[in-house]
C-alpha atoms as a PDB file:
ATOM      1  CA  MET A   1      79.247 110.117 116.604  1.00  0.00           C
ATOM      2  CA  ARG A   2      77.324 111.955 113.958  1.00  0.00           C
ATOM      3  CA  HIS A   3      78.874 114.512 111.655  1.00  0.00           C
ATOM      4  CA  GLY A   4      77.237 116.563 108.925  1.00  0.00           C
ATOM      5  CA  HIS A   5      77.697 115.110 105.461  1.00  0.00           C
ATOM      6  CA  VAL A   6      78.029 117.026 102.215  1.00  0.00           C
ATOM      7  CA  PRO A   7      78.537 114.899  99.084  1.00  0.00           C
ATOM      8  CA  GLY A   8      82.230 114.848  98.183  1.00  0.00           C
ATOM      9  CA  ARG A   9      83.316 116.174 101.589  1.00  0.00           C
ATOM     10  CA  ASN A  10      84.503 113.365 103.835  1.00  0.00           C
ATOM     11  CA  PHE A  11      85.724 113.521 107.428  1.00  0.00           C
ATOM     12  CA  ARG A  12      88.075 111.465 109.564  1.00  0.00           C
ATOM     13  CA  PRO A  13      88.007 111.157 113.381  1.00  0.00           C
ATOM     14  CA  PRO A  14      91.515 110.148 114.558  1.00  0.00           C
ATOM     15  CA  LEU A  15      92.230 109.555 118.234  1.00  0.00           C
ATOM     16  CA  ARG A  16      95.722 109.998 119.644  1.00  0.00           C
ATOM     17  CA  LEU A  17      97.531 110.318 122.921  1.00  0.00           C
ATOM     18  CA  ALA A  18      98.767 113.913 123.248  1.00  0.00           C
ATOM     19  CA  PRO A  19     101.653 115.103 125.448  1.00  0.00           C
ATOM     20  CA  GLY A  20     100.785 114.942 129.142  1.00  0.00           C
ATOM     21  CA  GLY A  21      98.637 111.828 128.725  1.00  0.00           C
ATOM     22  CA  LEU A  22      95.671 113.622 127.178  1.00  0.00           C
ATOM     23  CA  LEU A  23      93.398 111.839 124.729  1.00  0.00           C
ATOM     24  CA  ARG A  24      92.967 114.087 121.692  1.00  0.00           C
ATOM     25  CA  VAL A  25      89.965 113.592 119.399  1.00  0.00           C
ATOM     26  CA  GLU A  26      89.889 115.409 116.062  1.00  0.00           C
ATOM     27  CA  VAL A  27      87.245 115.704 113.361  1.00  0.00           C
ATOM     28  CA  SER A  28      88.439 117.271 110.108  1.00  0.00           C
ATOM     29  CA  ASP A  29      86.417 118.140 107.045  1.00  0.00           C
ATOM     30  CA  ALA A  30      86.549 120.324 103.957  1.00  0.00           C
ATOM     31  CA  CYS A  31      83.941 122.814 105.111  1.00  0.00           C
ATOM     32  CA  ALA A  32      85.887 125.674 106.717  1.00  0.00           C
ATOM     33  CA  GLU A  33      83.077 128.113 105.996  1.00  0.00           C
ATOM     34  CA  ARG A  34      80.942 126.432 108.692  1.00  0.00           C
ATOM     35  CA  LEU A  35      82.488 126.670 112.154  1.00  0.00           C
ATOM     36  CA  PRO A  36      80.863 124.998 115.182  1.00  0.00           C
ATOM     37  CA  ARG A  37      78.291 126.895 117.188  1.00  0.00           C
ATOM     38  CA  ALA A  38      79.580 128.279 120.497  1.00  0.00           C
ATOM     39  CA  PRO A  39      78.691 125.998 123.447  1.00  0.00           C
ATOM     40  CA  GLY A  40      76.543 128.727 125.026  1.00  0.00           C
ATOM     41  CA  ALA A  41      74.453 129.059 121.853  1.00  0.00           C
ATOM     42  CA  ALA A  42      71.792 126.517 122.758  1.00  0.00           C
ATOM     43  CA  ALA A  43      69.907 124.683 120.044  1.00  0.00           C
ATOM     44  CA  GLU A  44      66.194 125.302 119.853  1.00  0.00           C
ATOM     45  CA  PRO A  45      63.982 122.442 121.119  1.00  0.00           C
ATOM     46  CA  ASP A  46      62.860 121.564 117.558  1.00  0.00           C
ATOM     47  CA  ASP A  47      66.380 121.703 116.036  1.00  0.00           C
ATOM     48  CA  GLU A  48      67.579 118.350 114.694  1.00  0.00           C
ATOM     49  CA  SER A  49      71.237 119.218 115.367  1.00  0.00           C
ATOM     50  CA  GLY A  50      73.475 121.818 117.007  1.00  0.00           C
ATOM     51  CA  ARG A  51      74.013 120.235 120.432  1.00  0.00           C
ATOM     52  CA  GLY A  52      77.460 118.763 119.722  1.00  0.00           C
ATOM     53  CA  PRO A  53      79.587 121.724 120.865  1.00  0.00           C
ATOM     54  CA  ALA A  54      77.760 121.901 124.215  1.00  0.00           C
ATOM     55  CA  LEU A  55      78.287 118.164 124.755  1.00  0.00           C
ATOM     56  CA  VAL A  56      81.966 118.387 123.808  1.00  0.00           C
ATOM     57  CA  ALA A  57      82.489 121.370 126.131  1.00  0.00           C
ATOM     58  CA  ALA A  58      80.804 119.482 128.989  1.00  0.00           C
ATOM     59  CA  PHE A  59      83.118 116.463 128.714  1.00  0.00           C
ATOM     60  CA  ALA A  60      86.393 117.875 127.352  1.00  0.00           C
ATOM     61  CA  ASP A  61      89.114 119.608 129.341  1.00  0.00           C
ATOM     62  CA  ARG A  62      89.838 121.808 126.307  1.00  0.00           C
ATOM     63  CA  TRP A  63      88.481 122.086 122.766  1.00  0.00           C
ATOM     64  CA  GLY A  64      88.799 124.364 119.788  1.00  0.00           C
ATOM     65  CA  THR A  65      88.842 124.780 116.027  1.00  0.00           C
ATOM     66  CA  GLU A  66      91.784 125.084 113.626  1.00  0.00           C
ATOM     67  CA  VAL A  67      91.208 126.320 110.067  1.00  0.00           C
ATOM     68  CA  GLY A  68      93.476 125.440 107.157  1.00  0.00           C
ATOM     69  CA  PRO A  69      94.838 124.651 104.829  1.00  0.00           C
ATOM     70  CA  GLU A  70      91.782 125.935 102.971  1.00  0.00           C
ATOM     71  CA  PRO A  71      89.131 124.627 102.660  1.00  0.00           C
ATOM     72  CA  HIS A  72      89.740 122.367 105.684  1.00  0.00           C
ATOM     73  CA  LYS A  73      88.907 122.780 109.347  1.00  0.00           C
ATOM     74  CA  THR A  74      89.584 120.567 112.344  1.00  0.00           C
ATOM     75  CA  VAL A  75      87.531 120.585 115.532  1.00  0.00           C
ATOM     76  CA  TRP A  76      89.484 118.996 118.389  1.00  0.00           C
ATOM     77  CA  ALA A  77      88.891 118.088 122.017  1.00  0.00           C
ATOM     78  CA  GLU A  78      91.296 116.933 124.731  1.00  0.00           C
ATOM     79  CA  LEU A  79      90.307 114.778 127.689  1.00  0.00           C
ATOM     80  CA  GLY A  80      92.545 114.092 130.696  1.00  0.00           C
END
């Protein structure tokens, strides 16, 4: 897993079993001003990043973003 790094802004990727037996993966950081690119917004061939949301959408049953408390955001995915 690779996640963007800004000095002083750490992230944590907990895994937990959600109700209904779903595996929930979360990545939280203190960069709420930058939300993930929509899965349909394909990265350009020369882009060094930007493919994560499409990969997550391909494998996850559900995924989304929660913002707050400021300046935090959490991107989560659930897999059955």
